[in-house]
Amino acid sequence: MRILLVDDHAVVRKGVIDILSTMTPPPQFTEAVSSREALDHLAAASDAFDFVVLDLHLPDESGFETLHKIRETFADLPVLILSMYDAAEYAMRALKAGANGYVTKGSVPEDLRRAIEAVECGKTFVSEHLVEQMLAGMGDPRESVPTVGLSEREATVLRLLALGQRVNVIGDQLGLSPKTVATYRARVLAKLGLKSNADLVRYAYKTGVLRE
């Protein structure tokens, strides 16, 4: 199996390679640190890869945007999302966008191997605890994707602000400057027609971004 591994953190890439190299036979890996590099690899040799393992947090654009571009040209190429975002709505959004599976970076190593094997067999794989969240949310009368209209980064900032995180703390978590986080906050407020952090918290609970 030839895997294109897309993640901008060398430690994560090494961990994934170490875990999946225990498979029989061990896969061959090509690494990419950005969306542009990943798409260049795919464009250079369309039949060079059997599988893509894709992070959602990339330095040049959202992994969702990268997934969309992959699907435009390589409709049948299996794509597994490996993400730090441990929330069912991200898994649902990824599957709707065309991903074949979703595994969180906090999962046990066996989950990653099982995901590769499942997707390779034409199945869909989602980390078990996220499946439980997804089932728990079925039938909820509130909007299932309350962050529609927001980019992936804006939705993340919304959630963290609603949890009471300060701008500088959010910046540390996402690798952004406080000024950039403040810009995202302003965009979220404008898109949702809100005026303050208090409004964000009320919106988050009302729509289900945060649960009571």
N, C-alpha and C. Protein backbone atom coordinates (compact mmCIF):
# COMPACT_ATOMS: atom_id res chain seq x y z
N MET A 1 0.84 -1.19 0.00
CA MET A 1 0.00 0.00 0.00
C MET A 1 0.88 1.25 0.00
N ARG A 2 0.52 2.21 -0.85
CA ARG A 2 1.29 3.46 -0.95
C ARG A 2 0.44 4.58 -0.35
N ILE A 3 0.95 5.14 0.73
CA ILE A 3 0.18 6.13 1.50
C ILE A 3 0.80 7.51 1.37
N LEU A 4 -0.03 8.51 1.06
CA LEU A 4 0.37 9.91 1.11
C LEU A 4 -0.05 10.44 2.47
N LEU A 5 0.91 10.79 3.30
CA LEU A 5 0.67 11.23 4.67
C LEU A 5 0.82 12.75 4.74
N VAL A 6 -0.28 13.44 5.05
CA VAL A 6 -0.30 14.90 5.00
C VAL A 6 -0.51 15.47 6.40
N ASP A 7 0.56 15.99 6.98
CA ASP A 7 0.51 16.58 8.31
C ASP A 7 1.75 17.46 8.47
N ASP A 8 1.58 18.63 9.05
CA ASP A 8 2.71 19.55 9.14
C ASP A 8 3.58 19.34 10.37
N HIS A 9 3.25 18.34 11.20
CA HIS A 9 4.06 18.07 12.38
C HIS A 9 4.88 16.79 12.19
N ALA A 10 6.19 16.95 12.23
CA ALA A 10 7.09 15.81 11.99
C ALA A 10 6.88 14.70 13.01
N VAL A 11 6.61 15.07 14.26
CA VAL A 11 6.42 14.07 15.31
C VAL A 11 5.19 13.22 15.01
N VAL A 12 4.12 13.87 14.54
CA VAL A 12 2.90 13.14 14.20
C VAL A 12 3.16 12.20 13.03
N ARG A 13 3.83 12.71 12.00
CA ARG A 13 4.12 11.86 10.83
C ARG A 13 4.93 10.64 11.24
N LYS A 14 5.95 10.85 12.08
CA LYS A 14 6.77 9.72 12.52
C LYS A 14 5.94 8.71 13.30
N GLY A 15 5.06 9.22 14.16
CA GLY A 15 4.21 8.32 14.94
C GLY A 15 3.30 7.48 14.05
N VAL A 16 2.71 8.12 13.05
CA VAL A 16 1.83 7.40 12.13
C VAL A 16 2.62 6.33 11.37
N ILE A 17 3.79 6.71 10.89
CA ILE A 17 4.62 5.75 10.14
C ILE A 17 5.03 4.59 11.03
N ASP A 18 5.42 4.86 12.26
CA ASP A 18 5.81 3.79 13.18
C ASP A 18 4.65 2.84 13.44
N ILE A 19 3.44 3.40 13.62
CA ILE A 19 2.27 2.57 13.91
C ILE A 19 1.89 1.71 12.70
N LEU A 20 1.82 2.33 11.54
CA LEU A 20 1.35 1.61 10.36
C LEU A 20 2.41 0.69 9.77
N SER A 21 3.67 0.93 10.12
CA SER A 21 4.73 0.05 9.62
C SER A 21 4.67 -1.34 10.24
N THR A 22 3.85 -1.50 11.28
CA THR A 22 3.67 -2.82 11.88
C THR A 22 2.69 -3.68 11.09
N MET A 23 2.03 -3.09 10.10
CA MET A 23 1.11 -3.85 9.26
C MET A 23 1.89 -4.77 8.33
N THR A 24 1.23 -5.79 7.85
CA THR A 24 1.87 -6.75 6.95
C THR A 24 1.09 -6.81 5.63
N PRO A 25 1.79 -6.46 4.51
CA PRO A 25 3.15 -5.90 4.45
C PRO A 25 3.12 -4.43 4.86
N PRO A 26 4.24 -3.88 5.28
CA PRO A 26 4.28 -2.47 5.70
C PRO A 26 4.05 -1.54 4.50
N PRO A 27 3.28 -0.48 4.70
CA PRO A 27 3.03 0.46 3.60
C PRO A 27 4.29 1.25 3.23
N GLN A 28 4.24 1.84 2.05
CA GLN A 28 5.25 2.81 1.62
C GLN A 28 4.66 4.20 1.83
N PHE A 29 5.49 5.12 2.32
CA PHE A 29 4.98 6.44 2.68
C PHE A 29 5.63 7.55 1.86
N THR A 30 4.81 8.51 1.47
CA THR A 30 5.29 9.79 0.95
C THR A 30 4.72 10.85 1.87
N GLU A 31 5.56 11.77 2.34
CA GLU A 31 5.12 12.76 3.31
C GLU A 31 4.91 14.13 2.67
N ALA A 32 3.90 14.84 3.15
CA ALA A 32 3.64 16.22 2.72
C ALA A 32 3.30 17.04 3.95
N VAL A 33 3.78 18.28 3.98
CA VAL A 33 3.58 19.13 5.15
C VAL A 33 2.53 20.22 4.93
N SER A 34 1.95 20.24 3.73
CA SER A 34 0.96 21.28 3.42
C SER A 34 -0.01 20.74 2.38
N SER A 35 -1.11 21.46 2.21
CA SER A 35 -2.07 21.09 1.18
C SER A 35 -1.44 21.18 -0.20
N ARG A 36 -0.71 22.25 -0.45
CA ARG A 36 -0.12 22.45 -1.76
C ARG A 36 0.84 21.32 -2.12
N GLU A 37 1.66 20.92 -1.16
CA GLU A 37 2.61 19.84 -1.41
C GLU A 37 1.86 18.52 -1.67
N ALA A 38 0.82 18.28 -0.92
CA ALA A 38 0.04 17.05 -1.12
C ALA A 38 -0.60 17.02 -2.50
N LEU A 39 -1.20 18.13 -2.89
CA LEU A 39 -1.86 18.19 -4.20
C LEU A 39 -0.84 18.09 -5.33
N ASP A 40 0.35 18.65 -5.13
CA ASP A 40 1.42 18.53 -6.13
C ASP A 40 1.84 17.07 -6.30
N HIS A 41 1.96 16.34 -5.19
CA HIS A 41 2.30 14.91 -5.27
C HIS A 41 1.24 14.16 -6.06
N LEU A 42 -0.02 14.45 -5.79
CA LEU A 42 -1.10 13.75 -6.48
C LEU A 42 -1.13 14.12 -7.96
N ALA A 43 -0.90 15.38 -8.27
CA ALA A 43 -0.93 15.81 -9.67
C ALA A 43 0.23 15.23 -10.46
N ALA A 44 1.37 15.06 -9.80
CA ALA A 44 2.57 14.56 -10.49
C ALA A 44 2.43 13.10 -10.90
N ALA A 45 1.70 12.34 -10.11
CA ALA A 45 1.54 10.91 -10.41
C ALA A 45 0.19 10.46 -9.86
N SER A 46 -0.83 10.54 -10.69
CA SER A 46 -2.19 10.29 -10.22
C SER A 46 -2.40 8.87 -9.72
N ASP A 47 -1.61 7.93 -10.21
CA ASP A 47 -1.78 6.54 -9.79
C ASP A 47 -0.71 6.08 -8.80
N ALA A 48 -0.01 7.04 -8.19
CA ALA A 48 1.12 6.70 -7.31
C ALA A 48 0.68 6.35 -5.90
N PHE A 49 -0.58 6.63 -5.56
CA PHE A 49 -1.01 6.44 -4.18
C PHE A 49 -2.29 5.60 -4.11
N ASP A 50 -2.34 4.78 -3.06
CA ASP A 50 -3.52 3.96 -2.80
C ASP A 50 -4.36 4.55 -1.68
N PHE A 51 -3.80 5.52 -0.95
CA PHE A 51 -4.45 5.98 0.28
C PHE A 51 -3.89 7.35 0.66
N VAL A 52 -4.74 8.20 1.23
CA VAL A 52 -4.30 9.48 1.78
C VAL A 52 -4.71 9.55 3.25
N VAL A 53 -3.76 9.87 4.12
CA VAL A 53 -4.05 10.16 5.52
C VAL A 53 -3.87 11.67 5.68
N LEU A 54 -4.94 12.36 6.03
CA LEU A 54 -4.97 13.82 5.93
C LEU A 54 -5.34 14.47 7.25
N ASP A 55 -4.53 15.44 7.68
CA ASP A 55 -4.84 16.26 8.85
C ASP A 55 -5.78 17.38 8.42
N LEU A 56 -6.59 17.88 9.35
CA LEU A 56 -7.48 19.01 9.03
C LEU A 56 -6.82 20.36 9.29
N HIS A 57 -5.78 20.37 10.08
CA HIS A 57 -5.11 21.62 10.46
C HIS A 57 -3.80 21.72 9.70
N LEU A 58 -3.83 22.38 8.54
CA LEU A 58 -2.66 22.52 7.69
C LEU A 58 -2.26 23.99 7.62
N PRO A 59 -0.98 24.28 7.34
CA PRO A 59 -0.52 25.67 7.40
C PRO A 59 -1.04 26.57 6.30
N ASP A 60 -1.42 26.01 5.16
CA ASP A 60 -1.81 26.87 4.04
C ASP A 60 -3.31 26.93 3.79
N GLU A 61 -4.07 25.91 4.21
CA GLU A 61 -5.51 25.95 4.07
C GLU A 61 -6.13 24.85 4.93
N SER A 62 -7.43 24.92 5.08
CA SER A 62 -8.15 23.91 5.85
C SER A 62 -8.05 22.55 5.17
N GLY A 63 -7.95 21.49 5.98
CA GLY A 63 -7.96 20.16 5.42
C GLY A 63 -9.26 19.85 4.71
N PHE A 64 -10.36 20.50 5.11
CA PHE A 64 -11.63 20.31 4.41
C PHE A 64 -11.53 20.81 2.97
N GLU A 65 -10.85 21.93 2.80
CA GLU A 65 -10.65 22.46 1.45
C GLU A 65 -9.78 21.52 0.63
N THR A 66 -8.75 20.96 1.27
CA THR A 66 -7.89 20.01 0.59
C THR A 66 -8.67 18.76 0.19
N LEU A 67 -9.50 18.27 1.11
CA LEU A 67 -10.32 17.10 0.82
C LEU A 67 -11.23 17.37 -0.38
N HIS A 68 -11.83 18.55 -0.42
CA HIS A 68 -12.70 18.92 -1.53
C HIS A 68 -11.93 18.88 -2.86
N LYS A 69 -10.72 19.40 -2.86
CA LYS A 69 -9.91 19.42 -4.08
C LYS A 69 -9.51 18.00 -4.50
N ILE A 70 -9.20 17.17 -3.52
CA ILE A 70 -8.87 15.78 -3.84
C ILE A 70 -10.08 15.09 -4.47
N ARG A 71 -11.24 15.31 -3.90
CA ARG A 71 -12.44 14.67 -4.41
C ARG A 71 -12.82 15.15 -5.81
N GLU A 72 -12.48 16.39 -6.14
CA GLU A 72 -12.79 16.91 -7.47
C GLU A 72 -12.06 16.14 -8.56
N THR A 73 -10.84 15.66 -8.26
CA THR A 73 -10.01 15.01 -9.26
C THR A 73 -9.86 13.52 -9.04
N PHE A 74 -9.85 13.11 -7.77
CA PHE A 74 -9.61 11.70 -7.43
C PHE A 74 -10.79 11.19 -6.61
N ALA A 75 -11.89 10.98 -7.29
CA ALA A 75 -13.15 10.65 -6.61
C ALA A 75 -13.08 9.36 -5.81
N ASP A 76 -12.27 8.41 -6.27
CA ASP A 76 -12.26 7.08 -5.64
C ASP A 76 -11.05 6.84 -4.75
N LEU A 77 -10.20 7.82 -4.60
CA LEU A 77 -9.00 7.65 -3.78
C LEU A 77 -9.39 7.68 -2.31
N PRO A 78 -9.14 6.60 -1.55
CA PRO A 78 -9.52 6.58 -0.13
C PRO A 78 -8.79 7.66 0.67
N VAL A 79 -9.54 8.39 1.49
CA VAL A 79 -8.97 9.44 2.34
C VAL A 79 -9.42 9.21 3.78
N LEU A 80 -8.44 9.09 4.66
CA LEU A 80 -8.70 8.96 6.09
C LEU A 80 -8.29 10.25 6.77
N ILE A 81 -9.20 10.88 7.50
CA ILE A 81 -8.88 12.08 8.27
C ILE A 81 -8.29 11.67 9.61
N LEU A 82 -7.14 12.24 9.94
CA LEU A 82 -6.51 12.04 11.25
C LEU A 82 -6.39 13.42 11.87
N SER A 83 -7.20 13.70 12.88
CA SER A 83 -7.34 15.08 13.34
C SER A 83 -7.29 15.21 14.86
N MET A 84 -6.87 16.39 15.31
CA MET A 84 -6.90 16.70 16.74
C MET A 84 -8.31 17.09 17.19
N TYR A 85 -9.22 17.34 16.24
CA TYR A 85 -10.56 17.80 16.58
C TYR A 85 -11.41 16.61 17.03
N ASP A 86 -11.64 16.56 18.33
CA ASP A 86 -12.31 15.41 18.95
C ASP A 86 -13.78 15.74 19.18
N ALA A 87 -14.52 15.94 18.10
CA ALA A 87 -15.94 16.29 18.20
C ALA A 87 -16.69 15.64 17.04
N ALA A 88 -17.88 15.13 17.33
CA ALA A 88 -18.64 14.39 16.33
C ALA A 88 -18.97 15.24 15.11
N GLU A 89 -19.19 16.54 15.32
CA GLU A 89 -19.58 17.36 14.17
C GLU A 89 -18.47 17.44 13.13
N TYR A 90 -17.20 17.36 13.56
CA TYR A 90 -16.10 17.37 12.60
C TYR A 90 -16.08 16.06 11.82
N ALA A 91 -16.34 14.94 12.51
CA ALA A 91 -16.38 13.65 11.82
C ALA A 91 -17.52 13.63 10.80
N MET A 92 -18.68 14.13 11.20
CA MET A 92 -19.83 14.16 10.29
C MET A 92 -19.54 15.06 9.09
N ARG A 93 -18.93 16.20 9.35
CA ARG A 93 -18.63 17.11 8.25
C ARG A 93 -17.62 16.50 7.30
N ALA A 94 -16.63 15.78 7.84
CA ALA A 94 -15.61 15.15 7.00
C ALA A 94 -16.22 14.06 6.14
N LEU A 95 -17.10 13.24 6.72
CA LEU A 95 -17.74 12.17 5.96
C LEU A 95 -18.62 12.74 4.86
N LYS A 96 -19.36 13.80 5.18
CA LYS A 96 -20.21 14.43 4.17
C LYS A 96 -19.38 15.04 3.03
N ALA A 97 -18.15 15.46 3.37
CA ALA A 97 -17.27 16.06 2.36
C ALA A 97 -16.56 15.01 1.51
N GLY A 98 -16.73 13.73 1.87
CA GLY A 98 -16.15 12.68 1.04
C GLY A 98 -15.06 11.86 1.68
N ALA A 99 -14.76 12.09 2.97
CA ALA A 99 -13.76 11.26 3.63
C ALA A 99 -14.30 9.85 3.83
N ASN A 100 -13.41 8.89 3.85
CA ASN A 100 -13.79 7.49 4.06
C ASN A 100 -13.70 7.08 5.52
N GLY A 101 -13.07 7.92 6.35
CA GLY A 101 -12.95 7.61 7.75
C GLY A 101 -12.43 8.80 8.52
N TYR A 102 -12.59 8.73 9.86
CA TYR A 102 -12.18 9.84 10.72
C TYR A 102 -11.64 9.24 12.01
N VAL A 103 -10.37 9.53 12.31
CA VAL A 103 -9.72 9.06 13.53
C VAL A 103 -9.12 10.26 14.24
N THR A 104 -9.30 10.34 15.54
CA THR A 104 -8.72 11.44 16.31
C THR A 104 -7.29 11.10 16.71
N LYS A 105 -6.47 12.12 16.87
CA LYS A 105 -5.07 11.90 17.24
C LYS A 105 -4.93 11.37 18.67
N GLY A 106 -5.99 11.47 19.45
CA GLY A 106 -5.95 10.93 20.79
C GLY A 106 -6.36 9.47 20.87
N SER A 107 -6.68 8.87 19.72
CA SER A 107 -7.09 7.47 19.70
C SER A 107 -5.92 6.54 19.98
N VAL A 108 -6.23 5.32 20.34
CA VAL A 108 -5.18 4.31 20.53
C VAL A 108 -4.62 3.93 19.17
N PRO A 109 -3.34 3.51 19.11
CA PRO A 109 -2.73 3.14 17.84
C PRO A 109 -3.52 2.11 17.05
N GLU A 110 -4.15 1.17 17.75
CA GLU A 110 -4.90 0.12 17.05
C GLU A 110 -6.04 0.70 16.22
N ASP A 111 -6.61 1.83 16.67
CA ASP A 111 -7.67 2.48 15.90
C ASP A 111 -7.18 2.89 14.52
N LEU A 112 -5.97 3.39 14.45
CA LEU A 112 -5.43 3.83 13.17
C LEU A 112 -5.24 2.65 12.23
N ARG A 113 -4.70 1.56 12.74
CA ARG A 113 -4.54 0.37 11.90
C ARG A 113 -5.89 -0.17 11.46
N ARG A 114 -6.85 -0.23 12.39
CA ARG A 114 -8.20 -0.73 12.05
C ARG A 114 -8.87 0.17 11.01
N ALA A 115 -8.64 1.46 11.12
CA ALA A 115 -9.23 2.39 10.16
C ALA A 115 -8.69 2.15 8.76
N ILE A 116 -7.38 1.98 8.65
CA ILE A 116 -6.77 1.73 7.35
C ILE A 116 -7.33 0.44 6.75
N GLU A 117 -7.40 -0.60 7.54
CA GLU A 117 -7.89 -1.89 7.06
C GLU A 117 -9.35 -1.81 6.65
N ALA A 118 -10.17 -1.09 7.45
CA ALA A 118 -11.59 -0.97 7.13
C ALA A 118 -11.81 -0.21 5.84
N VAL A 119 -11.14 0.93 5.70
CA VAL A 119 -11.31 1.75 4.50
C VAL A 119 -10.79 1.02 3.28
N GLU A 120 -9.70 0.30 3.44
CA GLU A 120 -9.13 -0.47 2.33
C GLU A 120 -10.14 -1.50 1.81
N CYS A 121 -11.00 -1.99 2.71
CA CYS A 121 -12.03 -2.98 2.34
C CYS A 121 -13.33 -2.32 1.88
N GLY A 122 -13.30 -1.00 1.73
CA GLY A 122 -14.49 -0.31 1.24
C GLY A 122 -15.47 0.10 2.32
N LYS A 123 -15.07 -0.01 3.59
CA LYS A 123 -15.94 0.37 4.70
C LYS A 123 -15.62 1.79 5.18
N THR A 124 -16.49 2.32 6.00
CA THR A 124 -16.27 3.62 6.64
C THR A 124 -15.88 3.38 8.09
N PHE A 125 -14.90 4.16 8.59
CA PHE A 125 -14.45 3.98 9.97
C PHE A 125 -14.45 5.32 10.67
N VAL A 126 -15.03 5.33 11.89
CA VAL A 126 -15.01 6.51 12.75
C VAL A 126 -14.64 6.05 14.16
N SER A 127 -13.78 6.79 14.84
CA SER A 127 -13.39 6.44 16.20
C SER A 127 -14.63 6.17 17.05
N GLU A 128 -14.57 5.10 17.84
CA GLU A 128 -15.75 4.59 18.52
C GLU A 128 -16.45 5.64 19.38
N HIS A 129 -15.68 6.43 20.14
CA HIS A 129 -16.33 7.41 21.02
C HIS A 129 -17.04 8.49 20.23
N LEU A 130 -16.59 8.76 19.00
CA LEU A 130 -17.27 9.74 18.16
C LEU A 130 -18.57 9.16 17.60
N VAL A 131 -18.55 7.86 17.31
CA VAL A 131 -19.78 7.20 16.86
C VAL A 131 -20.86 7.33 17.94
N GLU A 132 -20.45 7.16 19.19
CA GLU A 132 -21.41 7.29 20.29
C GLU A 132 -21.97 8.71 20.35
N GLN A 133 -21.09 9.70 20.15
CA GLN A 133 -21.57 11.09 20.13
C GLN A 133 -22.54 11.32 18.98
N MET A 134 -22.21 10.77 17.81
CA MET A 134 -23.05 10.95 16.63
C MET A 134 -24.42 10.31 16.84
N LEU A 135 -24.45 9.12 17.42
CA LEU A 135 -25.73 8.46 17.69
C LEU A 135 -26.54 9.22 18.73
N ALA A 136 -25.84 9.76 19.73
CA ALA A 136 -26.53 10.51 20.78
C ALA A 136 -27.18 11.77 20.22
N GLY A 137 -26.57 12.32 19.16
CA GLY A 137 -27.10 13.55 18.59
C GLY A 137 -28.18 13.34 17.55
N MET A 138 -28.42 12.08 17.15
CA MET A 138 -29.45 11.82 16.14
C MET A 138 -30.83 12.13 16.71
N GLY A 139 -31.61 12.80 15.91
CA GLY A 139 -32.96 13.13 16.35
C GLY A 139 -33.03 14.41 17.15
N ASP A 140 -31.88 15.05 17.40
CA ASP A 140 -31.88 16.32 18.12
C ASP A 140 -32.53 17.37 17.24
N PRO A 141 -33.57 18.07 17.72
CA PRO A 141 -34.27 19.04 16.89
C PRO A 141 -33.45 20.27 16.57
N ARG A 142 -32.33 20.45 17.28
CA ARG A 142 -31.52 21.63 17.01
C ARG A 142 -30.73 21.42 15.73
N GLU A 143 -30.26 22.49 15.16
CA GLU A 143 -29.52 22.44 13.91
C GLU A 143 -28.32 21.52 14.05
N SER A 144 -28.19 20.54 13.14
CA SER A 144 -27.13 19.54 13.26
C SER A 144 -25.77 20.11 12.94
N VAL A 145 -25.73 21.15 12.10
CA VAL A 145 -24.45 21.79 11.80
C VAL A 145 -24.59 23.27 12.09
N PRO A 146 -24.56 23.65 13.36
CA PRO A 146 -24.86 25.03 13.75
C PRO A 146 -23.81 26.03 13.29
N THR A 147 -22.66 25.53 12.86
CA THR A 147 -21.60 26.44 12.44
C THR A 147 -21.57 26.59 10.93
N VAL A 148 -22.67 26.22 10.25
CA VAL A 148 -22.72 26.37 8.80
C VAL A 148 -22.46 27.82 8.43
N GLY A 149 -21.68 28.03 7.38
CA GLY A 149 -21.32 29.38 6.97
C GLY A 149 -20.00 29.84 7.52
N LEU A 150 -19.48 29.12 8.53
CA LEU A 150 -18.18 29.44 9.10
C LEU A 150 -17.13 28.51 8.53
N SER A 151 -15.92 29.02 8.41
CA SER A 151 -14.82 28.15 8.02
C SER A 151 -14.50 27.22 9.18
N GLU A 152 -13.72 26.19 8.92
CA GLU A 152 -13.34 25.25 9.98
C GLU A 152 -12.63 25.96 11.12
N ARG A 153 -11.73 26.91 10.80
CA ARG A 153 -11.00 27.63 11.83
C ARG A 153 -11.93 28.55 12.62
N GLU A 154 -12.86 29.22 11.92
CA GLU A 154 -13.81 30.09 12.61
C GLU A 154 -14.70 29.29 13.56
N ALA A 155 -15.12 28.09 13.12
CA ALA A 155 -15.95 27.24 13.98
C ALA A 155 -15.19 26.81 15.22
N THR A 156 -13.90 26.54 15.06
CA THR A 156 -13.08 26.15 16.21
C THR A 156 -12.94 27.31 17.18
N VAL A 157 -12.69 28.49 16.67
CA VAL A 157 -12.58 29.68 17.53
C VAL A 157 -13.89 29.94 18.25
N LEU A 158 -15.02 29.78 17.54
CA LEU A 158 -16.33 29.94 18.17
C LEU A 158 -16.47 29.01 19.37
N ARG A 159 -16.14 27.74 19.18
CA ARG A 159 -16.30 26.77 20.26
C ARG A 159 -15.42 27.12 21.46
N LEU A 160 -14.17 27.48 21.19
CA LEU A 160 -13.24 27.78 22.27
C LEU A 160 -13.64 29.05 23.01
N LEU A 161 -14.11 30.05 22.29
CA LEU A 161 -14.59 31.27 22.94
C LEU A 161 -15.80 30.97 23.81
N ALA A 162 -16.70 30.13 23.29
CA ALA A 162 -17.91 29.79 24.05
C ALA A 162 -17.57 29.00 25.30
N LEU A 163 -16.44 28.30 25.28
CA LEU A 163 -15.99 27.56 26.46
C LEU A 163 -15.30 28.47 27.48
N GLY A 164 -15.16 29.75 27.12
CA GLY A 164 -14.57 30.70 28.05
C GLY A 164 -13.08 30.88 27.91
N GLN A 165 -12.48 30.34 26.83
CA GLN A 165 -11.05 30.47 26.63
C GLN A 165 -10.69 31.90 26.22
N ARG A 166 -9.59 32.42 26.77
CA ARG A 166 -9.13 33.75 26.40
C ARG A 166 -8.44 33.71 25.04
N VAL A 167 -8.38 34.86 24.40
CA VAL A 167 -7.82 34.97 23.05
C VAL A 167 -6.38 34.46 23.01
N ASN A 168 -5.57 34.82 24.00
CA ASN A 168 -4.17 34.40 23.98
C ASN A 168 -4.04 32.89 24.19
N VAL A 169 -4.94 32.29 24.98
CA VAL A 169 -4.92 30.85 25.20
C VAL A 169 -5.32 30.12 23.92
N ILE A 170 -6.34 30.63 23.25
CA ILE A 170 -6.76 30.04 21.97
C ILE A 170 -5.63 30.12 20.97
N GLY A 171 -4.93 31.25 20.96
CA GLY A 171 -3.80 31.40 20.05
C GLY A 171 -2.73 30.35 20.30
N ASP A 172 -2.44 30.09 21.58
CA ASP A 172 -1.44 29.07 21.92
C ASP A 172 -1.90 27.69 21.45
N GLN A 173 -3.18 27.39 21.61
CA GLN A 173 -3.70 26.07 21.22
C GLN A 173 -3.67 25.86 19.72
N LEU A 174 -3.94 26.92 18.96
CA LEU A 174 -4.07 26.79 17.51
C LEU A 174 -2.83 27.25 16.75
N GLY A 175 -1.82 27.72 17.48
CA GLY A 175 -0.62 28.20 16.82
C GLY A 175 -0.82 29.52 16.10
N LEU A 176 -1.67 30.38 16.66
CA LEU A 176 -1.97 31.66 16.04
C LEU A 176 -1.61 32.79 17.00
N SER A 177 -1.41 33.98 16.45
CA SER A 177 -1.18 35.14 17.30
C SER A 177 -2.51 35.60 17.89
N PRO A 178 -2.49 36.26 19.06
CA PRO A 178 -3.74 36.79 19.63
C PRO A 178 -4.47 37.72 18.66
N LYS A 179 -3.70 38.49 17.87
CA LYS A 179 -4.32 39.40 16.91
C LYS A 179 -5.10 38.62 15.86
N THR A 180 -4.54 37.49 15.39
CA THR A 180 -5.23 36.67 14.39
C THR A 180 -6.49 36.05 14.97
N VAL A 181 -6.40 35.58 16.23
CA VAL A 181 -7.59 35.02 16.88
C VAL A 181 -8.67 36.10 17.01
N ALA A 182 -8.26 37.31 17.36
CA ALA A 182 -9.22 38.40 17.48
C ALA A 182 -9.90 38.69 16.14
N THR A 183 -9.14 38.54 15.06
CA THR A 183 -9.71 38.73 13.72
C THR A 183 -10.75 37.66 13.43
N TYR A 184 -10.42 36.40 13.77
CA TYR A 184 -11.40 35.32 13.58
C TYR A 184 -12.65 35.57 14.43
N ARG A 185 -12.45 36.05 15.67
CA ARG A 185 -13.59 36.35 16.53
C ARG A 185 -14.49 37.39 15.88
N ALA A 186 -13.89 38.43 15.32
CA ALA A 186 -14.68 39.48 14.68
C ALA A 186 -15.47 38.92 13.48
N ARG A 187 -14.85 38.03 12.73
CA ARG A 187 -15.54 37.42 11.59
C ARG A 187 -16.73 36.58 12.04
N VAL A 188 -16.51 35.80 13.10
CA VAL A 188 -17.58 34.95 13.62
C VAL A 188 -18.76 35.81 14.08
N LEU A 189 -18.47 36.85 14.83
CA LEU A 189 -19.53 37.74 15.31
C LEU A 189 -20.30 38.34 14.14
N ALA A 190 -19.56 38.77 13.13
CA ALA A 190 -20.20 39.40 11.97
C ALA A 190 -21.07 38.40 11.20
N LYS A 191 -20.56 37.21 10.98
CA LYS A 191 -21.30 36.21 10.20
C LYS A 191 -22.56 35.73 10.94
N LEU A 192 -22.48 35.67 12.26
CA LEU A 192 -23.61 35.17 13.04
C LEU A 192 -24.53 36.28 13.53
N GLY A 193 -24.15 37.53 13.25
CA GLY A 193 -24.96 38.65 13.68
C GLY A 193 -24.97 38.86 15.18
N LEU A 194 -23.83 38.57 15.83
CA LEU A 194 -23.71 38.69 17.27
C LEU A 194 -22.82 39.87 17.63
N LYS A 195 -22.84 40.27 18.93
CA LYS A 195 -22.10 41.46 19.32
C LYS A 195 -21.06 41.23 20.40
N SER A 196 -21.18 40.15 21.16
CA SER A 196 -20.28 39.97 22.31
C SER A 196 -20.01 38.50 22.56
N ASN A 197 -19.04 38.23 23.45
CA ASN A 197 -18.76 36.85 23.85
C ASN A 197 -19.96 36.23 24.55
N ALA A 198 -20.70 37.04 25.30
CA ALA A 198 -21.90 36.53 25.96
C ALA A 198 -22.91 36.04 24.92
N ASP A 199 -23.03 36.78 23.83
CA ASP A 199 -23.91 36.36 22.74
C ASP A 199 -23.42 35.04 22.14
N LEU A 200 -22.10 34.90 22.02
CA LEU A 200 -21.53 33.66 21.49
C LEU A 200 -21.88 32.47 22.37
N VAL A 201 -21.78 32.66 23.68
CA VAL A 201 -22.11 31.56 24.61
C VAL A 201 -23.58 31.18 24.48
N ARG A 202 -24.46 32.17 24.44
CA ARG A 202 -25.89 31.87 24.30
C ARG A 202 -26.16 31.15 22.99
N TYR A 203 -25.53 31.61 21.91
CA TYR A 203 -25.69 30.98 20.61
C TYR A 203 -25.21 29.53 20.65
N ALA A 204 -24.06 29.32 21.29
CA ALA A 204 -23.46 27.98 21.34
C ALA A 204 -24.37 26.98 22.03
N TYR A 205 -25.01 27.39 23.13
CA TYR A 205 -25.90 26.48 23.83
C TYR A 205 -27.24 26.32 23.11
N LYS A 206 -27.71 27.40 22.52
CA LYS A 206 -28.99 27.35 21.83
C LYS A 206 -28.95 26.42 20.62
N THR A 207 -27.84 26.44 19.88
CA THR A 207 -27.75 25.66 18.64
C THR A 207 -27.12 24.30 18.84
N GLY A 208 -26.54 24.05 20.02
CA GLY A 208 -25.94 22.74 20.25
C GLY A 208 -24.45 22.66 20.01
N VAL A 209 -23.80 23.80 19.69
CA VAL A 209 -22.33 23.80 19.60
C VAL A 209 -21.77 23.33 20.94
N LEU A 210 -22.37 23.80 22.03
CA LEU A 210 -22.08 23.28 23.37
C LEU A 210 -23.36 22.71 23.94
N ARG A 211 -23.22 21.63 24.70
CA ARG A 211 -24.39 21.00 25.28
C ARG A 211 -24.58 21.48 26.72
N GLU A 212 -25.86 21.52 27.14
CA GLU A 212 -26.16 21.88 28.53
C GLU A 212 -25.57 20.82 29.46
